[in-house]
Amino acid sequence: LALIPAGAAWMAVQSNLNAEVQLLLP
């Protein structure tokens, strides 16, 4: 049960940072 929010948190950080990199780079 504890690992479910951990997976959600990992995905949130990973997707957020990756999206910001893609939005930034020309």
mmCIF file of all heavy atoms, coordinates in Angstrom:
data_MODEL
# 
_entry.id   MODEL 
# 
loop_
_atom_site.group_PDB 
_atom_site.id 
_atom_site.type_symbol 
_atom_site.label_atom_id 
_atom_site.label_alt_id 
_atom_site.label_comp_id 
_atom_site.label_asym_id 
_atom_site.label_entity_id 
_atom_site.label_seq_id 
_atom_site.pdbx_PDB_ins_code 
_atom_site.Cartn_x 
_atom_site.Cartn_y 
_atom_site.Cartn_z 
_atom_site.occupancy 
_atom_site.B_iso_or_equiv 
_atom_site.pdbx_formal_charge 
_atom_site.auth_seq_id 
_atom_site.auth_comp_id 
_atom_site.auth_asym_id 
_atom_site.auth_atom_id 
_atom_site.pdbx_PDB_model_num 
ATOM 1   N N   . LEU A 1 1  ? 0.828  -1.212 0.000   1.00 0.00 ? 1  LEU A N   1 
ATOM 2   C CA  . LEU A 1 1  ? 0.000  0.000  0.000   1.00 0.00 ? 1  LEU A CA  1 
ATOM 3   C C   . LEU A 1 1  ? 0.863  1.262  0.000   1.00 0.00 ? 1  LEU A C   1 
ATOM 4   O O   . LEU A 1 1  ? 0.523  2.260  -0.634  1.00 0.00 ? 1  LEU A O   1 
ATOM 5   C CB  . LEU A 1 1  ? -0.928 -0.006 1.208   1.00 0.00 ? 1  LEU A CB  1 
ATOM 6   C CG  . LEU A 1 1  ? -2.006 -1.107 1.227   1.00 0.00 ? 1  LEU A CG  1 
ATOM 7   C CD1 . LEU A 1 1  ? -2.802 -1.069 2.522   1.00 0.00 ? 1  LEU A CD1 1 
ATOM 8   C CD2 . LEU A 1 1  ? -2.940 -0.967 0.017   1.00 0.00 ? 1  LEU A CD2 1 
ATOM 9   N N   . ALA A 1 2  ? 1.998  1.222  0.711   1.00 0.00 ? 2  ALA A N   1 
ATOM 10  C CA  . ALA A 1 2  ? 2.869  2.396  0.770   1.00 0.00 ? 2  ALA A CA  1 
ATOM 11  C C   . ALA A 1 2  ? 3.561  2.649  -0.559  1.00 0.00 ? 2  ALA A C   1 
ATOM 12  O O   . ALA A 1 2  ? 3.842  3.801  -0.918  1.00 0.00 ? 2  ALA A O   1 
ATOM 13  C CB  . ALA A 1 2  ? 3.901  2.220  1.878   1.00 0.00 ? 2  ALA A CB  1 
ATOM 14  N N   . LEU A 1 3  ? 3.854  1.585  -1.300  1.00 0.00 ? 3  LEU A N   1 
ATOM 15  C CA  . LEU A 1 3  ? 4.569  1.736  -2.564  1.00 0.00 ? 3  LEU A CA  1 
ATOM 16  C C   . LEU A 1 3  ? 3.707  2.361  -3.657  1.00 0.00 ? 3  LEU A C   1 
ATOM 17  O O   . LEU A 1 3  ? 4.238  2.898  -4.632  1.00 0.00 ? 3  LEU A O   1 
ATOM 18  C CB  . LEU A 1 3  ? 5.099  0.374  -3.034  1.00 0.00 ? 3  LEU A CB  1 
ATOM 19  C CG  . LEU A 1 3  ? 6.305  -0.146 -2.251  1.00 0.00 ? 3  LEU A CG  1 
ATOM 20  C CD1 . LEU A 1 3  ? 6.612  -1.583 -2.641  1.00 0.00 ? 3  LEU A CD1 1 
ATOM 21  C CD2 . LEU A 1 3  ? 7.525  0.742  -2.477  1.00 0.00 ? 3  LEU A CD2 1 
ATOM 22  N N   . ILE A 1 4  ? 2.404  2.305  -3.522  1.00 0.00 ? 4  ILE A N   1 
ATOM 23  C CA  . ILE A 1 4  ? 1.538  2.924  -4.536  1.00 0.00 ? 4  ILE A CA  1 
ATOM 24  C C   . ILE A 1 4  ? 1.752  4.433  -4.594  1.00 0.00 ? 4  ILE A C   1 
ATOM 25  O O   . ILE A 1 4  ? 2.008  4.985  -5.668  1.00 0.00 ? 4  ILE A O   1 
ATOM 26  C CB  . ILE A 1 4  ? 0.057  2.554  -4.278  1.00 0.00 ? 4  ILE A CB  1 
ATOM 27  C CG1 . ILE A 1 4  ? -0.149 1.048  -4.504  1.00 0.00 ? 4  ILE A CG1 1 
ATOM 28  C CG2 . ILE A 1 4  ? -0.870 3.361  -5.187  1.00 0.00 ? 4  ILE A CG2 1 
ATOM 29  C CD1 . ILE A 1 4  ? -1.537 0.546  -4.131  1.00 0.00 ? 4  ILE A CD1 1 
ATOM 30  N N   . PRO A 1 5  ? 1.672  5.170  -3.464  1.00 0.00 ? 5  PRO A N   1 
ATOM 31  C CA  . PRO A 1 5  ? 1.987  6.614  -3.550  1.00 0.00 ? 5  PRO A CA  1 
ATOM 32  C C   . PRO A 1 5  ? 3.447  6.878  -3.910  1.00 0.00 ? 5  PRO A C   1 
ATOM 33  O O   . PRO A 1 5  ? 3.754  7.915  -4.509  1.00 0.00 ? 5  PRO A O   1 
ATOM 34  C CB  . PRO A 1 5  ? 1.649  7.152  -2.155  1.00 0.00 ? 5  PRO A CB  1 
ATOM 35  C CG  . PRO A 1 5  ? 1.604  5.961  -1.268  1.00 0.00 ? 5  PRO A CG  1 
ATOM 36  C CD  . PRO A 1 5  ? 1.169  4.820  -2.129  1.00 0.00 ? 5  PRO A CD  1 
ATOM 37  N N   . ALA A 1 6  ? 4.358  5.965  -3.564  1.00 0.00 ? 6  ALA A N   1 
ATOM 38  C CA  . ALA A 1 6  ? 5.754  6.154  -3.971  1.00 0.00 ? 6  ALA A CA  1 
ATOM 39  C C   . ALA A 1 6  ? 5.884  6.110  -5.488  1.00 0.00 ? 6  ALA A C   1 
ATOM 40  O O   . ALA A 1 6  ? 6.593  6.922  -6.091  1.00 0.00 ? 6  ALA A O   1 
ATOM 41  C CB  . ALA A 1 6  ? 6.642  5.086  -3.338  1.00 0.00 ? 6  ALA A CB  1 
ATOM 42  N N   . GLY A 1 7  ? 5.183  5.158  -6.117  1.00 0.00 ? 7  GLY A N   1 
ATOM 43  C CA  . GLY A 1 7  ? 5.193  5.093  -7.587  1.00 0.00 ? 7  GLY A CA  1 
ATOM 44  C C   . GLY A 1 7  ? 4.593  6.338  -8.204  1.00 0.00 ? 7  GLY A C   1 
ATOM 45  O O   . GLY A 1 7  ? 5.079  6.842  -9.217  1.00 0.00 ? 7  GLY A O   1 
ATOM 46  N N   . ALA A 1 8  ? 3.523  6.848  -7.577  1.00 0.00 ? 8  ALA A N   1 
ATOM 47  C CA  . ALA A 1 8  ? 2.901  8.076  -8.090  1.00 0.00 ? 8  ALA A CA  1 
ATOM 48  C C   . ALA A 1 8  ? 3.847  9.261  -7.947  1.00 0.00 ? 8  ALA A C   1 
ATOM 49  O O   . ALA A 1 8  ? 3.967  10.094 -8.865  1.00 0.00 ? 8  ALA A O   1 
ATOM 50  C CB  . ALA A 1 8  ? 1.599  8.338  -7.334  1.00 0.00 ? 8  ALA A CB  1 
ATOM 51  N N   . ALA A 1 9  ? 4.549  9.352  -6.806  1.00 0.00 ? 9  ALA A N   1 
ATOM 52  C CA  . ALA A 1 9  ? 5.466  10.470 -6.589  1.00 0.00 ? 9  ALA A CA  1 
ATOM 53  C C   . ALA A 1 9  ? 6.647  10.401 -7.558  1.00 0.00 ? 9  ALA A C   1 
ATOM 54  O O   . ALA A 1 9  ? 7.067  11.423 -8.122  1.00 0.00 ? 9  ALA A O   1 
ATOM 55  C CB  . ALA A 1 9  ? 5.965  10.451 -5.146  1.00 0.00 ? 9  ALA A CB  1 
ATOM 56  N N   . TRP A 1 10 ? 7.204  9.205  -7.755  1.00 0.00 ? 10 TRP A N   1 
ATOM 57  C CA  . TRP A 1 10 ? 8.318  9.037  -8.696  1.00 0.00 ? 10 TRP A CA  1 
ATOM 58  C C   . TRP A 1 10 ? 7.890  9.471  -10.096 1.00 0.00 ? 10 TRP A C   1 
ATOM 59  O O   . TRP A 1 10 ? 8.608  10.187 -10.791 1.00 0.00 ? 10 TRP A O   1 
ATOM 60  C CB  . TRP A 1 10 ? 8.785  7.594  -8.687  1.00 0.00 ? 10 TRP A CB  1 
ATOM 61  C CG  . TRP A 1 10 ? 9.880  7.277  -9.659  1.00 0.00 ? 10 TRP A CG  1 
ATOM 62  C CD1 . TRP A 1 10 ? 9.730  6.916  -10.973 1.00 0.00 ? 10 TRP A CD1 1 
ATOM 63  C CD2 . TRP A 1 10 ? 11.288 7.333  -9.429  1.00 0.00 ? 10 TRP A CD2 1 
ATOM 64  N NE1 . TRP A 1 10 ? 10.953 6.722  -11.563 1.00 0.00 ? 10 TRP A NE1 1 
ATOM 65  C CE2 . TRP A 1 10 ? 11.935 6.970  -10.641 1.00 0.00 ? 10 TRP A CE2 1 
ATOM 66  C CE3 . TRP A 1 10 ? 12.072 7.630  -8.323  1.00 0.00 ? 10 TRP A CE3 1 
ATOM 67  C CZ2 . TRP A 1 10 ? 13.327 6.913  -10.762 1.00 0.00 ? 10 TRP A CZ2 1 
ATOM 68  C CZ3 . TRP A 1 10 ? 13.459 7.566  -8.439  1.00 0.00 ? 10 TRP A CZ3 1 
ATOM 69  C CH2 . TRP A 1 10 ? 14.066 7.216  -9.642  1.00 0.00 ? 10 TRP A CH2 1 
ATOM 70  N N   . MET A 1 11 ? 6.705  9.029  -10.507 1.00 0.00 ? 11 MET A N   1 
ATOM 71  C CA  . MET A 1 11 ? 6.208  9.385  -11.834 1.00 0.00 ? 11 MET A CA  1 
ATOM 72  C C   . MET A 1 11 ? 5.973  10.884 -11.952 1.00 0.00 ? 11 MET A C   1 
ATOM 73  O O   . MET A 1 11 ? 6.279  11.496 -12.985 1.00 0.00 ? 11 MET A O   1 
ATOM 74  C CB  . MET A 1 11 ? 4.917  8.628  -12.135 1.00 0.00 ? 11 MET A CB  1 
ATOM 75  C CG  . MET A 1 11 ? 4.535  8.595  -13.618 1.00 0.00 ? 11 MET A CG  1 
ATOM 76  S SD  . MET A 1 11 ? 3.756  10.104 -14.218 1.00 0.00 ? 11 MET A SD  1 
ATOM 77  C CE  . MET A 1 11 ? 2.091  9.860  -13.649 1.00 0.00 ? 11 MET A CE  1 
ATOM 78  N N   . ALA A 1 12 ? 5.451  11.507 -10.903 1.00 0.00 ? 12 ALA A N   1 
ATOM 79  C CA  . ALA A 1 12 ? 5.179  12.943 -10.949 1.00 0.00 ? 12 ALA A CA  1 
ATOM 80  C C   . ALA A 1 12 ? 6.471  13.737 -11.127 1.00 0.00 ? 12 ALA A C   1 
ATOM 81  O O   . ALA A 1 12 ? 6.542  14.658 -11.953 1.00 0.00 ? 12 ALA A O   1 
ATOM 82  C CB  . ALA A 1 12 ? 4.462  13.378 -9.663  1.00 0.00 ? 12 ALA A CB  1 
ATOM 83  N N   . VAL A 1 13 ? 7.513  13.374 -10.387 1.00 0.00 ? 13 VAL A N   1 
ATOM 84  C CA  . VAL A 1 13 ? 8.786  14.081 -10.515 1.00 0.00 ? 13 VAL A CA  1 
ATOM 85  C C   . VAL A 1 13 ? 9.395  13.841 -11.888 1.00 0.00 ? 13 VAL A C   1 
ATOM 86  O O   . VAL A 1 13 ? 9.834  14.779 -12.575 1.00 0.00 ? 13 VAL A O   1 
ATOM 87  C CB  . VAL A 1 13 ? 9.760  13.636 -9.409  1.00 0.00 ? 13 VAL A CB  1 
ATOM 88  C CG1 . VAL A 1 13 ? 11.136 14.242 -9.640  1.00 0.00 ? 13 VAL A CG1 1 
ATOM 89  C CG2 . VAL A 1 13 ? 9.228  14.041 -8.040  1.00 0.00 ? 13 VAL A CG2 1 
ATOM 90  N N   . GLN A 1 14 ? 9.425  12.579 -12.295 1.00 0.00 ? 14 GLN A N   1 
ATOM 91  C CA  . GLN A 1 14 ? 10.047 12.224 -13.570 1.00 0.00 ? 14 GLN A CA  1 
ATOM 92  C C   . GLN A 1 14 ? 9.362  12.912 -14.736 1.00 0.00 ? 14 GLN A C   1 
ATOM 93  O O   . GLN A 1 14 ? 10.010 13.498 -15.616 1.00 0.00 ? 14 GLN A O   1 
ATOM 94  C CB  . GLN A 1 14 ? 9.999  10.701 -13.738 1.00 0.00 ? 14 GLN A CB  1 
ATOM 95  C CG  . GLN A 1 14 ? 10.751 10.177 -14.949 1.00 0.00 ? 14 GLN A CG  1 
ATOM 96  C CD  . GLN A 1 14 ? 10.673 8.672  -15.051 1.00 0.00 ? 14 GLN A CD  1 
ATOM 97  O OE1 . GLN A 1 14 ? 9.928  8.019  -14.311 1.00 0.00 ? 14 GLN A OE1 1 
ATOM 98  N NE2 . GLN A 1 14 ? 11.426 8.094  -15.969 1.00 0.00 ? 14 GLN A NE2 1 
ATOM 99  N N   . SER A 1 15 ? 8.038  12.863 -14.773 1.00 0.00 ? 15 SER A N   1 
ATOM 100 C CA  . SER A 1 15 ? 7.305  13.446 -15.897 1.00 0.00 ? 15 SER A CA  1 
ATOM 101 C C   . SER A 1 15 ? 7.381  14.971 -15.880 1.00 0.00 ? 15 SER A C   1 
ATOM 102 O O   . SER A 1 15 ? 7.494  15.610 -16.932 1.00 0.00 ? 15 SER A O   1 
ATOM 103 C CB  . SER A 1 15 ? 5.843  12.990 -15.874 1.00 0.00 ? 15 SER A CB  1 
ATOM 104 O OG  . SER A 1 15 ? 5.170  13.463 -14.715 1.00 0.00 ? 15 SER A OG  1 
ATOM 105 N N   . ASN A 1 16 ? 7.348  15.568 -14.677 1.00 0.00 ? 16 ASN A N   1 
ATOM 106 C CA  . ASN A 1 16 ? 7.393  17.023 -14.578 1.00 0.00 ? 16 ASN A CA  1 
ATOM 107 C C   . ASN A 1 16 ? 8.737  17.562 -15.060 1.00 0.00 ? 16 ASN A C   1 
ATOM 108 O O   . ASN A 1 16 ? 8.796  18.511 -15.859 1.00 0.00 ? 16 ASN A O   1 
ATOM 109 C CB  . ASN A 1 16 ? 7.135  17.444 -13.132 1.00 0.00 ? 16 ASN A CB  1 
ATOM 110 C CG  . ASN A 1 16 ? 6.825  18.924 -13.015 1.00 0.00 ? 16 ASN A CG  1 
ATOM 111 O OD1 . ASN A 1 16 ? 6.302  19.541 -13.936 1.00 0.00 ? 16 ASN A OD1 1 
ATOM 112 N ND2 . ASN A 1 16 ? 7.152  19.507 -11.871 1.00 0.00 ? 16 ASN A ND2 1 
ATOM 113 N N   . LEU A 1 17 ? 9.838  16.968 -14.597 1.00 0.00 ? 17 LEU A N   1 
ATOM 114 C CA  . LEU A 1 17 ? 11.160 17.426 -15.015 1.00 0.00 ? 17 LEU A CA  1 
ATOM 115 C C   . LEU A 1 17 ? 11.378 17.183 -16.504 1.00 0.00 ? 17 LEU A C   1 
ATOM 116 O O   . LEU A 1 17 ? 11.912 18.043 -17.215 1.00 0.00 ? 17 LEU A O   1 
ATOM 117 C CB  . LEU A 1 17 ? 12.241 16.721 -14.194 1.00 0.00 ? 17 LEU A CB  1 
ATOM 118 C CG  . LEU A 1 17 ? 12.310 17.079 -12.704 1.00 0.00 ? 17 LEU A CG  1 
ATOM 119 C CD1 . LEU A 1 17 ? 13.367 16.244 -12.007 1.00 0.00 ? 17 LEU A CD1 1 
ATOM 120 C CD2 . LEU A 1 17 ? 12.590 18.558 -12.509 1.00 0.00 ? 17 LEU A CD2 1 
ATOM 121 N N   . ASN A 1 18 ? 10.972 16.012 -16.988 1.00 0.00 ? 18 ASN A N   1 
ATOM 122 C CA  . ASN A 1 18 ? 11.150 15.706 -18.400 1.00 0.00 ? 18 ASN A CA  1 
ATOM 123 C C   . ASN A 1 18 ? 10.362 16.665 -19.275 1.00 0.00 ? 18 ASN A C   1 
ATOM 124 O O   . ASN A 1 18 ? 10.854 17.131 -20.314 1.00 0.00 ? 18 ASN A O   1 
ATOM 125 C CB  . ASN A 1 18 ? 10.730 14.256 -18.676 1.00 0.00 ? 18 ASN A CB  1 
ATOM 126 C CG  . ASN A 1 18 ? 11.139 13.778 -20.045 1.00 0.00 ? 18 ASN A CG  1 
ATOM 127 O OD1 . ASN A 1 18 ? 10.463 14.051 -21.031 1.00 0.00 ? 18 ASN A OD1 1 
ATOM 128 N ND2 . ASN A 1 18 ? 12.247 13.067 -20.121 1.00 0.00 ? 18 ASN A ND2 1 
ATOM 129 N N   . ALA A 1 19 ? 9.140  16.983 -18.854 1.00 0.00 ? 19 ALA A N   1 
ATOM 130 C CA  . ALA A 1 19 ? 8.322  17.915 -19.631 1.00 0.00 ? 19 ALA A CA  1 
ATOM 131 C C   . ALA A 1 19 ? 8.955  19.298 -19.666 1.00 0.00 ? 19 ALA A C   1 
ATOM 132 O O   . ALA A 1 19 ? 8.979  19.952 -20.718 1.00 0.00 ? 19 ALA A O   1 
ATOM 133 C CB  . ALA A 1 19 ? 6.911  17.996 -19.042 1.00 0.00 ? 19 ALA A CB  1 
ATOM 134 N N   . GLU A 1 20 ? 9.485  19.752 -18.542 1.00 0.00 ? 20 GLU A N   1 
ATOM 135 C CA  . GLU A 1 20 ? 10.109 21.073 -18.499 1.00 0.00 ? 20 GLU A CA  1 
ATOM 136 C C   . GLU A 1 20 ? 11.329 21.128 -19.413 1.00 0.00 ? 20 GLU A C   1 
ATOM 137 O O   . GLU A 1 20 ? 11.579 22.139 -20.081 1.00 0.00 ? 20 GLU A O   1 
ATOM 138 C CB  . GLU A 1 20 ? 10.498 21.441 -17.067 1.00 0.00 ? 20 GLU A CB  1 
ATOM 139 C CG  . GLU A 1 20 ? 9.321  21.694 -16.133 1.00 0.00 ? 20 GLU A CG  1 
ATOM 140 C CD  . GLU A 1 20 ? 8.510  22.917 -16.534 1.00 0.00 ? 20 GLU A CD  1 
ATOM 141 O OE1 . GLU A 1 20 ? 9.005  23.748 -17.335 1.00 0.00 ? 20 GLU A OE1 1 
ATOM 142 O OE2 . GLU A 1 20 ? 7.374  23.058 -16.051 1.00 0.00 ? 20 GLU A OE2 1 
ATOM 143 N N   . VAL A 1 21 ? 12.110 20.037 -19.454 1.00 0.00 ? 21 VAL A N   1 
ATOM 144 C CA  . VAL A 1 21 ? 13.273 20.001 -20.341 1.00 0.00 ? 21 VAL A CA  1 
ATOM 145 C C   . VAL A 1 21 ? 12.825 20.083 -21.796 1.00 0.00 ? 21 VAL A C   1 
ATOM 146 O O   . VAL A 1 21 ? 13.396 20.828 -22.603 1.00 0.00 ? 21 VAL A O   1 
ATOM 147 C CB  . VAL A 1 21 ? 14.102 18.720 -20.091 1.00 0.00 ? 21 VAL A CB  1 
ATOM 148 C CG1 . VAL A 1 21 ? 15.193 18.575 -21.144 1.00 0.00 ? 21 VAL A CG1 1 
ATOM 149 C CG2 . VAL A 1 21 ? 14.735 18.763 -18.708 1.00 0.00 ? 21 VAL A CG2 1 
ATOM 150 N N   . GLN A 1 22 ? 11.804 19.320 -22.166 1.00 0.00 ? 22 GLN A N   1 
ATOM 151 C CA  . GLN A 1 22 ? 11.328 19.321 -23.551 1.00 0.00 ? 22 GLN A CA  1 
ATOM 152 C C   . GLN A 1 22 ? 10.714 20.664 -23.937 1.00 0.00 ? 22 GLN A C   1 
ATOM 153 O O   . GLN A 1 22 ? 10.872 21.122 -25.078 1.00 0.00 ? 22 GLN A O   1 
ATOM 154 C CB  . GLN A 1 22 ? 10.315 18.197 -23.764 1.00 0.00 ? 22 GLN A CB  1 
ATOM 155 C CG  . GLN A 1 22 ? 10.930 16.812 -23.661 1.00 0.00 ? 22 GLN A CG  1 
ATOM 156 C CD  . GLN A 1 22 ? 10.028 15.731 -24.199 1.00 0.00 ? 22 GLN A CD  1 
ATOM 157 O OE1 . GLN A 1 22 ? 9.291  15.952 -25.147 1.00 0.00 ? 22 GLN A OE1 1 
ATOM 158 N NE2 . GLN A 1 22 ? 10.082 14.559 -23.609 1.00 0.00 ? 22 GLN A NE2 1 
ATOM 159 N N   . LEU A 1 23 ? 10.033 21.303 -23.002 1.00 0.00 ? 23 LEU A N   1 
ATOM 160 C CA  . LEU A 1 23 ? 9.453  22.613 -23.291 1.00 0.00 ? 23 LEU A CA  1 
ATOM 161 C C   . LEU A 1 23 ? 10.528 23.679 -23.462 1.00 0.00 ? 23 LEU A C   1 
ATOM 162 O O   . LEU A 1 23 ? 10.364 24.628 -24.234 1.00 0.00 ? 23 LEU A O   1 
ATOM 163 C CB  . LEU A 1 23 ? 8.504  23.024 -22.159 1.00 0.00 ? 23 LEU A CB  1 
ATOM 164 C CG  . LEU A 1 23 ? 7.170  22.274 -22.083 1.00 0.00 ? 23 LEU A CG  1 
ATOM 165 C CD1 . LEU A 1 23 ? 6.490  22.539 -20.750 1.00 0.00 ? 23 LEU A CD1 1 
ATOM 166 C CD2 . LEU A 1 23 ? 6.253  22.676 -23.231 1.00 0.00 ? 23 LEU A CD2 1 
ATOM 167 N N   . LEU A 1 24 ? 11.631 23.531 -22.761 1.00 0.00 ? 24 LEU A N   1 
ATOM 168 C CA  . LEU A 1 24 ? 12.689 24.528 -22.798 1.00 0.00 ? 24 LEU A CA  1 
ATOM 169 C C   . LEU A 1 24 ? 13.519 24.466 -24.074 1.00 0.00 ? 24 LEU A C   1 
ATOM 170 O O   . LEU A 1 24 ? 13.805 25.493 -24.689 1.00 0.00 ? 24 LEU A O   1 
ATOM 171 C CB  . LEU A 1 24 ? 13.612 24.342 -21.586 1.00 0.00 ? 24 LEU A CB  1 
ATOM 172 C CG  . LEU A 1 24 ? 14.947 25.105 -21.612 1.00 0.00 ? 24 LEU A CG  1 
ATOM 173 C CD1 . LEU A 1 24 ? 14.703 26.609 -21.499 1.00 0.00 ? 24 LEU A CD1 1 
ATOM 174 C CD2 . LEU A 1 24 ? 15.864 24.612 -20.507 1.00 0.00 ? 24 LEU A CD2 1 
ATOM 175 N N   . LEU A 1 25 ? 13.919 23.268 -24.476 1.00 0.00 ? 25 LEU A N   1 
ATOM 176 C CA  . LEU A 1 25 ? 14.963 23.125 -25.495 1.00 0.00 ? 25 LEU A CA  1 
ATOM 177 C C   . LEU A 1 25 ? 14.460 23.472 -26.891 1.00 0.00 ? 25 LEU A C   1 
ATOM 178 O O   . LEU A 1 25 ? 13.442 22.940 -27.337 1.00 0.00 ? 25 LEU A O   1 
ATOM 179 C CB  . LEU A 1 25 ? 15.497 21.690 -25.488 1.00 0.00 ? 25 LEU A CB  1 
ATOM 180 C CG  . LEU A 1 25 ? 16.229 21.279 -24.207 1.00 0.00 ? 25 LEU A CG  1 
ATOM 181 C CD1 . LEU A 1 25 ? 16.471 19.780 -24.196 1.00 0.00 ? 25 LEU A CD1 1 
ATOM 182 C CD2 . LEU A 1 25 ? 17.546 22.046 -24.080 1.00 0.00 ? 25 LEU A CD2 1 
ATOM 183 N N   . PRO A 1 26 ? 15.163 24.347 -27.619 1.00 0.00 ? 26 PRO A N   1 
ATOM 184 C CA  . PRO A 1 26 ? 14.811 24.615 -29.015 1.00 0.00 ? 26 PRO A CA  1 
ATOM 185 C C   . PRO A 1 26 ? 15.202 23.431 -29.902 1.00 0.00 ? 26 PRO A C   1 
ATOM 186 O O   . PRO A 1 26 ? 15.986 22.560 -29.501 1.00 0.00 ? 26 PRO A O   1 
ATOM 187 C CB  . PRO A 1 26 ? 15.640 25.860 -29.364 1.00 0.00 ? 26 PRO A CB  1 
ATOM 188 C CG  . PRO A 1 26 ? 16.785 25.840 -28.409 1.00 0.00 ? 26 PRO A CG  1 
ATOM 189 C CD  . PRO A 1 26 ? 16.289 25.183 -27.155 1.00 0.00 ? 26 PRO A CD  1 
# 
